[in-house]
C-alpha atoms as a PDB file:
ATOM      1  CA  MET A   1      26.097  10.636 -18.840  1.00  0.00           C
ATOM      2  CA  THR A   2      23.192   9.186 -16.872  1.00  0.00           C
ATOM      3  CA  SER A   3      19.813  10.689 -17.657  1.00  0.00           C
ATOM      4  CA  ALA A   4      17.867  12.272 -14.816  1.00  0.00           C
ATOM      5  CA  TYR A   5      14.272  11.155 -14.300  1.00  0.00           C
ATOM      6  CA  PRO A   6      11.639  12.725 -12.037  1.00  0.00           C
ATOM      7  CA  ILE A   7      11.859   9.666  -9.777  1.00  0.00           C
ATOM      8  CA  THR A   8      15.586  10.243  -9.098  1.00  0.00           C
ATOM      9  CA  LEU A   9      16.158  10.300  -5.333  1.00  0.00           C
ATOM     10  CA  SER A  10      18.186  12.928  -3.541  1.00  0.00           C
ATOM     11  CA  ASP A  11      20.998  11.804  -1.267  1.00  0.00           C
ATOM     12  CA  ASP A  12      18.953  12.778   1.795  1.00  0.00           C
ATOM     13  CA  GLN A  13      15.962  10.762   0.615  1.00  0.00           C
ATOM     14  CA  TYR A  14      18.048   7.692  -0.083  1.00  0.00           C
ATOM     15  CA  SER A  15      19.917   7.960   3.209  1.00  0.00           C
ATOM     16  CA  LEU A  16      16.606   7.583   5.039  1.00  0.00           C
ATOM     17  CA  PHE A  17      15.748   4.505   2.987  1.00  0.00           C
ATOM     18  CA  GLU A  18      19.245   3.018   3.270  1.00  0.00           C
ATOM     19  CA  SER A  19      19.216   3.278   7.070  1.00  0.00           C
ATOM     20  CA  LEU A  20      16.307   0.805   7.140  1.00  0.00           C
ATOM     21  CA  LEU A  21      17.741  -1.777   4.723  1.00  0.00           C
ATOM     22  CA  PRO A  22      18.976  -5.137   6.071  1.00  0.00           C
ATOM     23  CA  PRO A  23      22.780  -5.534   6.109  1.00  0.00           C
ATOM     24  CA  PRO A  24      24.407  -7.519   3.287  1.00  0.00           C
ATOM     25  CA  ALA A  25      24.861 -11.249   3.747  1.00  0.00           C
ATOM     26  CA  PRO A  26      28.035 -12.095   5.698  1.00  0.00           C
ATOM     27  CA  CYS A  27      29.054 -14.720   3.144  1.00  0.00           C
ATOM     28  CA  GLY A  28      29.165 -14.872  -0.635  1.00  0.00           C
ATOM     29  CA  ARG A  29      30.398 -12.403  -3.209  1.00  0.00           C
ATOM     30  CA  PRO A  30      30.576  -8.759  -2.046  1.00  0.00           C
ATOM     31  CA  ARG A  31      27.771  -6.559  -3.272  1.00  0.00           C
ATOM     32  CA  GLU A  32      28.792  -4.460  -6.284  1.00  0.00           C
ATOM     33  CA  VAL A  33      25.497  -2.984  -7.466  1.00  0.00           C
ATOM     34  CA  ASP A  34      24.457   0.525  -6.395  1.00  0.00           C
ATOM     35  CA  LEU A  35      21.274   0.024  -4.347  1.00  0.00           C
ATOM     36  CA  LYS A  36      20.248   3.634  -4.921  1.00  0.00           C
ATOM     37  CA  ARG A  37      20.082   2.926  -8.653  1.00  0.00           C
ATOM     38  CA  VAL A  38      18.230  -0.326  -7.942  1.00  0.00           C
ATOM     39  CA  LEU A  39      15.588   1.533  -5.944  1.00  0.00           C
ATOM     40  CA  GLU A  40      15.251   4.198  -8.632  1.00  0.00           C
ATOM     41  CA  SER A  41      14.801   1.422 -11.208  1.00  0.00           C
ATOM     42  CA  MET A  42      11.890   0.032  -9.196  1.00  0.00           C
ATOM     43  CA  LEU A  43      10.370   3.519  -8.949  1.00  0.00           C
ATOM     44  CA  TYR A  44      10.716   3.900 -12.724  1.00  0.00           C
ATOM     45  CA  ILE A  45       8.750   0.681 -13.277  1.00  0.00           C
ATOM     46  CA  LEU A  46       6.180   1.716 -10.667  1.00  0.00           C
ATOM     47  CA  VAL A  47       5.522   5.198 -12.068  1.00  0.00           C
ATOM     48  CA  THR A  48       5.754   4.462 -15.809  1.00  0.00           C
ATOM     49  CA  GLY A  49       4.101   1.029 -15.687  1.00  0.00           C
ATOM     50  CA  CYS A  50       6.644  -0.546 -18.044  1.00  0.00           C
ATOM     51  CA  ALA A  51       7.595  -4.233 -18.017  1.00  0.00           C
ATOM     52  CA  TRP A  52      10.707  -5.370 -16.173  1.00  0.00           C
ATOM     53  CA  ARG A  53      12.455  -6.270 -19.439  1.00  0.00           C
ATOM     54  CA  LEU A  54      11.837  -2.754 -20.819  1.00  0.00           C
ATOM     55  CA  LEU A  55      13.854  -1.053 -18.087  1.00  0.00           C
ATOM     56  CA  PRO A  56      16.156   1.563 -19.738  1.00  0.00           C
ATOM     57  CA  HIS A  57      19.779   0.544 -20.175  1.00  0.00           C
ATOM     58  CA  ASP A  58      21.099   3.354 -17.967  1.00  0.00           C
ATOM     59  CA  TYR A  59      19.669   1.456 -14.994  1.00  0.00           C
ATOM     60  CA  PRO A  60      21.059  -1.836 -13.593  1.00  0.00           C
ATOM     61  CA  PRO A  61      19.997  -5.049 -15.414  1.00  0.00           C
ATOM     62  CA  TYR A  62      16.321  -5.820 -14.914  1.00  0.00           C
ATOM     63  CA  SER A  63      17.167  -9.275 -13.521  1.00  0.00           C
ATOM     64  CA  THR A  64      19.205  -7.638 -10.742  1.00  0.00           C
ATOM     65  CA  VAL A  65      16.459  -5.131  -9.973  1.00  0.00           C
ATOM     66  CA  TYR A  66      13.789  -7.835  -9.839  1.00  0.00           C
ATOM     67  CA  TYR A  67      16.030 -10.004  -7.635  1.00  0.00           C
ATOM     68  CA  TYR A  68      16.137  -7.301  -4.970  1.00  0.00           C
ATOM     69  CA  PHE A  69      12.426  -6.529  -5.315  1.00  0.00           C
ATOM     70  CA  ARG A  70      11.577 -10.206  -4.772  1.00  0.00           C
ATOM     71  CA  GLN A  71      14.075 -10.667  -1.913  1.00  0.00           C
ATOM     72  CA  TRP A  72      12.790  -7.628  -0.049  1.00  0.00           C
ATOM     73  CA  ARG A  73       9.214  -8.802  -0.635  1.00  0.00           C
ATOM     74  CA  GLU A  74       9.891 -12.288   0.771  1.00  0.00           C
ATOM     75  CA  GLN A  75      11.855 -10.905   3.724  1.00  0.00           C
ATOM     76  CA  GLY A  76       9.152  -8.375   4.623  1.00  0.00           C
ATOM     77  CA  VAL A  77      11.532  -5.471   4.032  1.00  0.00           C
ATOM     78  CA  TRP A  78       9.006  -3.337   2.115  1.00  0.00           C
ATOM     79  CA  LYS A  79       6.469  -3.435   4.920  1.00  0.00           C
ATOM     80  CA  ARG A  80       9.086  -2.850   7.614  1.00  0.00           C
ATOM     81  CA  ILE A  81      10.501   0.218   5.843  1.00  0.00           C
ATOM     82  CA  HIS A  82       6.992   1.504   5.146  1.00  0.00           C
ATOM     83  CA  ASP A  83       5.921   1.209   8.784  1.00  0.00           C
ATOM     84  CA  HIS A  84       9.030   3.083   9.969  1.00  0.00           C
ATOM     85  CA  CYS A  85       8.392   5.879   7.464  1.00  0.00           C
ATOM     86  CA  VAL A  86       4.779   6.199   8.628  1.00  0.00           C
ATOM     87  CA  GLU A  87       5.973   6.781  12.200  1.00  0.00           C
ATOM     88  CA  TRP A  88       8.517   9.368  11.036  1.00  0.00           C
ATOM     89  CA  VAL A  89       5.939  11.286   8.968  1.00  0.00           C
ATOM     90  CA  ARG A  90       3.393  11.259  11.779  1.00  0.00           C
ATOM     91  CA  VAL A  91       5.960  12.590  14.275  1.00  0.00           C
ATOM     92  CA  SER A  92       7.084  15.265  11.791  1.00  0.00           C
ATOM     93  CA  GLU A  93       3.414  16.336  11.517  1.00  0.00           C
ATOM     94  CA  GLY A  94       3.147  16.680  15.294  1.00  0.00           C
ATOM     95  CA  ARG A  95       1.171  13.451  15.741  1.00  0.00           C
ATOM     96  CA  TYR A  96       1.734  10.382  17.894  1.00  0.00           C
ATOM     97  CA  PRO A  97       3.674   7.609  16.100  1.00  0.00           C
ATOM     98  CA  SER A  98       0.609   5.347  16.342  1.00  0.00           C
ATOM     99  CA  PRO A  99      -2.804   6.486  15.030  1.00  0.00           C
ATOM    100  CA  SER A 100      -5.951   6.393  17.128  1.00  0.00           C
ATOM    101  CA  GLU A 101      -8.408   6.522  14.224  1.00  0.00           C
ATOM    102  CA  GLY A 102      -8.519   5.095  10.715  1.00  0.00           C
ATOM    103  CA  ALA A 103     -10.661   4.734   7.590  1.00  0.00           C
ATOM    104  CA  LEU A 104     -11.268   1.456   5.786  1.00  0.00           C
ATOM    105  CA  ASP A 105     -12.383   0.946   2.201  1.00  0.00           C
ATOM    106  CA  SER A 106     -11.830  -1.311  -0.805  1.00  0.00           C
ATOM    107  CA  GLN A 107     -10.829  -0.593  -4.396  1.00  0.00           C
ATOM    108  CA  THR A 108     -11.312  -2.953  -7.342  1.00  0.00           C
ATOM    109  CA  VAL A 109      -8.746  -2.836 -10.149  1.00  0.00           C
ATOM    110  CA  PRO A 110      -8.636  -4.961 -13.328  1.00  0.00           C
ATOM    111  CA  THR A 111      -5.909  -7.559 -13.754  1.00  0.00           C
ATOM    112  CA  ALA A 112      -3.766  -8.168 -16.818  1.00  0.00           C
ATOM    113  CA  VAL A 113      -4.654 -11.088 -19.079  1.00  0.00           C
ATOM    114  CA  MET A 114      -1.723 -13.226 -17.887  1.00  0.00           C
ATOM    115  CA  VAL A 115      -2.687 -12.936 -14.203  1.00  0.00           C
ATOM    116  CA  HIS A 116      -4.733 -15.837 -12.802  1.00  0.00           C
ATOM    117  CA  ASN A 117      -3.826 -16.117  -9.103  1.00  0.00           C
ATOM    118  CA  SER A 118      -6.420 -14.625  -6.692  1.00  0.00           C
ATOM    119  CA  VAL A 119      -8.566 -13.142  -9.475  1.00  0.00           C
ATOM    120  CA  GLY A 120     -12.352 -12.792  -9.264  1.00  0.00           C
ATOM    121  CA  TYR A 121     -15.293 -10.834 -10.631  1.00  0.00           C
ATOM    122  CA  ASP A 122     -16.766  -7.864  -8.780  1.00  0.00           C
ATOM    123  CA  LYS A 123     -20.372  -7.728  -9.995  1.00  0.00           C
ATOM    124  CA  HIS A 124     -20.991  -4.313  -8.411  1.00  0.00           C
ATOM    125  CA  LYS A 125     -18.098  -2.738 -10.338  1.00  0.00           C
ATOM    126  CA  ALA A 126     -18.478  -5.088 -13.350  1.00  0.00           C
ATOM    127  CA  THR A 127     -14.731  -5.699 -13.185  1.00  0.00           C
ATOM    128  CA  LYS A 128     -12.649  -8.852 -13.299  1.00  0.00           C
ATOM    129  CA  GLY A 129      -9.567  -8.402 -11.178  1.00  0.00           C
ATOM    130  CA  ARG A 130      -8.445  -7.908  -7.613  1.00  0.00           C
ATOM    131  CA  LYS A 131      -9.722  -5.913  -4.675  1.00  0.00           C
ATOM    132  CA  ARG A 132      -7.485  -3.820  -2.414  1.00  0.00           C
ATOM    133  CA  PHE A 133      -8.732  -3.605   1.151  1.00  0.00           C
ATOM    134  CA  THR A 134      -7.057  -0.534   2.590  1.00  0.00           C
ATOM    135  CA  LEU A 135      -6.904   0.907   6.111  1.00  0.00           C
ATOM    136  CA  VAL A 136      -5.389   4.381   6.453  1.00  0.00           C
ATOM    137  CA  ASP A 137      -4.921   6.889   9.264  1.00  0.00           C
ATOM    138  CA  THR A 138      -6.325  10.431   9.300  1.00  0.00           C
ATOM    139  CA  LEU A 139      -3.310  11.655   7.270  1.00  0.00           C
ATOM    140  CA  GLY A 140      -4.071   9.132   4.521  1.00  0.00           C
ATOM    141  CA  LEU A 141      -1.018   6.997   5.348  1.00  0.00           C
ATOM    142  CA  LEU A 142      -1.365   3.233   5.152  1.00  0.00           C
ATOM    143  CA  ILE A 143      -1.965   1.266   8.322  1.00  0.00           C
ATOM    144  CA  SER A 144      -2.633  -2.023   6.558  1.00  0.00           C
ATOM    145  CA  ILE A 145      -3.273  -3.328   3.024  1.00  0.00           C
ATOM    146  CA  LYS A 146      -4.539  -6.684   1.768  1.00  0.00           C
ATOM    147  CA  VAL A 147      -4.973  -7.596  -1.901  1.00  0.00           C
ATOM    148  CA  MET A 148      -7.561 -10.306  -2.619  1.00  0.00           C
ATOM    149  CA  ALA A 149      -9.766 -11.548  -5.443  1.00  0.00           C
ATOM    150  CA  ALA A 150     -12.334  -8.985  -6.591  1.00  0.00           C
ATOM    151  CA  SER A 151     -15.140 -11.438  -5.764  1.00  0.00           C
ATOM    152  CA  THR A 152     -14.304 -11.209  -2.032  1.00  0.00           C
ATOM    153  CA  PRO A 153     -17.260  -9.680  -0.108  1.00  0.00           C
ATOM    154  CA  GLU A 154     -16.543  -6.391   1.657  1.00  0.00           C
ATOM    155  CA  ARG A 155     -17.140  -7.664   5.177  1.00  0.00           C
ATOM    156  CA  GLN A 156     -15.094 -10.830   4.658  1.00  0.00           C
ATOM    157  CA  GLY A 157     -12.120  -8.907   3.278  1.00  0.00           C
ATOM    158  CA  ALA A 158     -12.297  -6.367   6.086  1.00  0.00           C
ATOM    159  CA  LYS A 159     -12.318  -9.121   8.716  1.00  0.00           C
ATOM    160  CA  GLU A 160      -9.251 -10.763   7.167  1.00  0.00           C
ATOM    161  CA  LEU A 161      -7.383  -7.447   7.008  1.00  0.00           C
ATOM    162  CA  LEU A 162      -8.245  -6.580  10.606  1.00  0.00           C
ATOM    163  CA  GLY A 163      -7.386 -10.126  11.699  1.00  0.00           C
ATOM    164  CA  ASP A 164      -3.888  -9.722  10.238  1.00  0.00           C
ATOM    165  CA  LEU A 165      -3.545  -6.302  11.879  1.00  0.00           C
ATOM    166  CA  ASN A 166      -4.635  -7.749  15.219  1.00  0.00           C
ATOM    167  CA  GLN A 167      -1.611 -10.095  15.122  1.00  0.00           C
ATOM    168  CA  GLU A 168       0.696  -7.058  15.176  1.00  0.00           C
ATOM    169  CA  ARG A 169      -1.375  -5.007  17.588  1.00  0.00           C
ATOM    170  CA  ASP A 170       1.694  -3.620  19.305  1.00  0.00           C
ATOM    171  CA  ARG A 171       2.242  -1.526  16.137  1.00  0.00           C
ATOM    172  CA  VAL A 172      -1.127   0.236  16.575  1.00  0.00           C
ATOM    173  CA  PRO A 173      -1.695   0.300  20.355  1.00  0.00           C
ATOM    174  CA  ARG A 174      -3.739   3.529  20.189  1.00  0.00           C
ATOM    175  CA  LEU A 175      -6.114   2.499  17.381  1.00  0.00           C
ATOM    176  CA  VAL A 176      -9.699   2.746  18.636  1.00  0.00           C
ATOM    177  CA  CYS A 177     -12.118   3.788  15.872  1.00  0.00           C
ATOM    178  CA  ILE A 178     -12.371   2.750  12.205  1.00  0.00           C
ATOM    179  CA  GLY A 179     -14.653   4.559   9.770  1.00  0.00           C
ATOM    180  CA  VAL A 180     -16.273   2.593   6.922  1.00  0.00           C
ATOM    181  CA  ASP A 181     -18.911   3.217   4.263  1.00  0.00           C
ATOM    182  CA  GLY A 182     -22.309   1.592   3.861  1.00  0.00           C
ATOM    183  CA  GLY A 183     -20.850  -1.381   1.981  1.00  0.00           C
ATOM    184  CA  PHE A 184     -19.467  -2.747   5.249  1.00  0.00           C
ATOM    185  CA  SER A 185     -22.687  -2.362   7.274  1.00  0.00           C
ATOM    186  CA  GLY A 186     -25.249  -5.034   8.016  1.00  0.00           C
ATOM    187  CA  GLN A 187     -25.278  -8.536   9.522  1.00  0.00           C
ATOM    188  CA  GLY A 188     -23.763  -7.317  12.784  1.00  0.00           C
ATOM    189  CA  PHE A 189     -20.412  -6.438  11.176  1.00  0.00           C
ATOM    190  CA  ALA A 190     -19.601  -3.598  13.607  1.00  0.00           C
ATOM    191  CA  HIS A 191     -20.563  -5.681  16.649  1.00  0.00           C
ATOM    192  CA  GLY A 192     -18.547  -8.630  15.336  1.00  0.00           C
ATOM    193  CA  ILE A 193     -15.412  -6.498  14.923  1.00  0.00           C
ATOM    194  CA  MET A 194     -15.918  -5.099  18.423  1.00  0.00           C
ATOM    195  CA  ASP A 195     -16.256  -8.585  19.904  1.00  0.00           C
ATOM    196  CA  MET A 196     -13.286 -10.058  18.009  1.00  0.00           C
ATOM    197  CA  PHE A 197     -10.781  -7.220  17.997  1.00  0.00           C
ATOM    198  CA  ARG A 198     -12.122  -4.542  20.381  1.00  0.00           C
ATOM    199  CA  TRP A 199     -12.164  -1.861  17.690  1.00  0.00           C
ATOM    200  CA  VAL A 200     -15.125   0.483  17.209  1.00  0.00           C
ATOM    201  CA  VAL A 201     -16.489   0.528  13.647  1.00  0.00           C
ATOM    202  CA  GLU A 202     -18.327   3.704  12.646  1.00  0.00           C
ATOM    203  CA  VAL A 203     -20.436   3.477   9.481  1.00  0.00           C
ATOM    204  CA  VAL A 204     -20.495   6.814   7.623  1.00  0.00           C
ATOM    205  CA  LEU A 205     -23.493   6.899   5.273  1.00  0.00           C
ATOM    206  CA  ARG A 206     -24.117   9.229   2.371  1.00  0.00           C
ATOM    207  CA  PRO A 207     -26.952  11.745   3.000  1.00  0.00           C
ATOM    208  CA  GLN A 208     -29.989  10.636   1.001  1.00  0.00           C
ATOM    209  CA  GLN A 209     -31.290  14.172   0.470  1.00  0.00           C
ATOM    210  CA  VAL A 210     -28.106  15.379  -1.258  1.00  0.00           C
ATOM    211  CA  SER A 211     -27.310  14.682  -4.915  1.00  0.00           C
ATOM    212  CA  GLY A 212     -23.950  14.834  -6.655  1.00  0.00           C
ATOM    213  CA  PHE A 213     -20.535  14.686  -5.012  1.00  0.00           C
ATOM    214  CA  VAL A 214     -20.507  14.659  -1.212  1.00  0.00           C
ATOM    215  CA  LEU A 215     -17.369  14.873   0.941  1.00  0.00           C
ATOM    216  CA  LEU A 216     -18.056  12.311   3.658  1.00  0.00           C
ATOM    217  CA  PRO A 217     -16.410  13.006   7.033  1.00  0.00           C
ATOM    218  CA  LYS A 218     -13.652  10.548   8.077  1.00  0.00           C
ATOM    219  CA  ARG A 219     -14.106   8.664   4.808  1.00  0.00           C
ATOM    220  CA  TRP A 220     -12.570  10.996   2.254  1.00  0.00           C
ATOM    221  CA  VAL A 221      -8.974  10.386   3.402  1.00  0.00           C
ATOM    222  CA  VAL A 222      -8.899   6.830   2.054  1.00  0.00           C
ATOM    223  CA  GLU A 223     -10.220   8.045  -1.306  1.00  0.00           C
ATOM    224  CA  ARG A 224      -7.400  10.584  -1.414  1.00  0.00           C
ATOM    225  CA  THR A 225      -4.915   7.766  -0.780  1.00  0.00           C
ATOM    226  CA  TYR A 226      -6.328   5.895  -3.778  1.00  0.00           C
ATOM    227  CA  GLY A 227      -5.823   9.100  -5.762  1.00  0.00           C
ATOM    228  CA  TRP A 228      -2.140   9.128  -4.786  1.00  0.00           C
ATOM    229  CA  LEU A 229      -1.779   5.535  -5.949  1.00  0.00           C
ATOM    230  CA  HIS A 230      -3.318   6.363  -9.328  1.00  0.00           C
ATOM    231  CA  TRP A 231      -0.299   8.539 -10.120  1.00  0.00           C
ATOM    232  CA  CYS A 232       1.609   5.252 -10.463  1.00  0.00           C
ATOM    233  CA  ARG A 233       0.644   3.584 -13.737  1.00  0.00           C
ATOM    234  CA  ARG A 234       1.791   0.175 -12.535  1.00  0.00           C
ATOM    235  CA  LEU A 235      -1.034   0.291  -9.967  1.00  0.00           C
ATOM    236  CA  ASN A 236      -3.864   1.258 -12.337  1.00  0.00           C
ATOM    237  CA  VAL A 237      -3.940  -2.332 -13.627  1.00  0.00           C
ATOM    238  CA  ASP A 238      -2.711  -5.259 -11.518  1.00  0.00           C
ATOM    239  CA  TYR A 239       0.068  -6.930 -13.523  1.00  0.00           C
ATOM    240  CA  GLU A 240       1.503  -8.985 -10.641  1.00  0.00           C
ATOM    241  CA  LYS A 241       1.231 -12.767 -10.566  1.00  0.00           C
ATOM    242  CA  LEU A 242       1.162 -12.755  -6.752  1.00  0.00           C
ATOM    243  CA  PRO A 243      -0.972 -10.504  -4.515  1.00  0.00           C
ATOM    244  CA  ALA A 244       2.133 -10.088  -2.319  1.00  0.00           C
ATOM    245  CA  SER A 245       3.885  -8.339  -5.220  1.00  0.00           C
ATOM    246  CA  SER A 246       0.897  -6.012  -5.641  1.00  0.00           C
ATOM    247  CA  GLU A 247       1.081  -5.130  -1.948  1.00  0.00           C
ATOM    248  CA  SER A 248       4.847  -4.542  -2.248  1.00  0.00           C
ATOM    249  CA  PHE A 249       4.366  -2.068  -5.089  1.00  0.00           C
ATOM    250  CA  ILE A 250       1.746  -0.225  -3.031  1.00  0.00           C
ATOM    251  CA  TYR A 251       4.182  -0.054  -0.114  1.00  0.00           C
ATOM    252  CA  LEU A 252       6.853   1.234  -2.511  1.00  0.00           C
ATOM    253  CA  ALA A 253       4.516   3.963  -3.807  1.00  0.00           C
ATOM    254  CA  MET A 254       3.763   5.131  -0.273  1.00  0.00           C
ATOM    255  CA  ILE A 255       7.456   4.951   0.713  1.00  0.00           C
ATOM    256  CA  HIS A 256       8.321   7.205  -2.223  1.00  0.00           C
ATOM    257  CA  LEU A 257       5.625   9.689  -1.216  1.00  0.00           C
ATOM    258  CA  MET A 258       6.816   9.740   2.397  1.00  0.00           C
ATOM    259  CA  LEU A 259      10.510  10.087   1.514  1.00  0.00           C
ATOM    260  CA  ARG A 260       9.646  13.203  -0.471  1.00  0.00           C
ATOM    261  CA  ARG A 261       7.837  14.619   2.565  1.00  0.00           C
ATOM    262  CA  LEU A 262      10.624  13.747   4.989  1.00  0.00           C
ATOM    263  CA  ALA A 263      13.572  14.990   2.905  1.00  0.00           C
END
């Protein structure tokens, strides 16, 4: 009898995910593996933080699970499914499918000892690892994510993320304003973003007269999103050899969260 784990998907949740999967290849051997079990295997690795080879035996072989994870990463399936789910959640919340406002921030996480690609040292956080530049909407849902070396300056990483988002502008036609913290201010950053991409950057600074924790308007939603990601142990330390795999796991974490909201 198969053990039940907290990450087990209901039929309704999986039906939403399955409707967005690419069809099987028209040639070759017919698919025999249960993709629902494959997805649950990936969620097990994401939430528990275990290695691929330590996947429990009641799941499909780890080589099969990793094959689909890599194929869907290279084909852009994770991002495509994620973006569809964001639209569905926003509509279910009574919002427009496309956001008009977002919040941008970065998070530095340490990398595992065997990771060497796109790794740097963040002197402000005293951490060797990678930096996640994250743009979310007012619900805390991802608009865009870019994983880079931790040594990447805030303004440079933000420009690269927004440059990538500008290439798919039809996905966010209503986006107007982006809130950032003081780390992104200075050297004409806001004016440069306005000139290049026609987005308004609003710098939200911490009040100098107040001590202790302060809930900053428009900025707290991205911190809450980071809190959601911390529930997944695989994301607390970056174990992925490629930044694209790190981004795929982040998409998977947000997909899981949204499937639970939708079904």
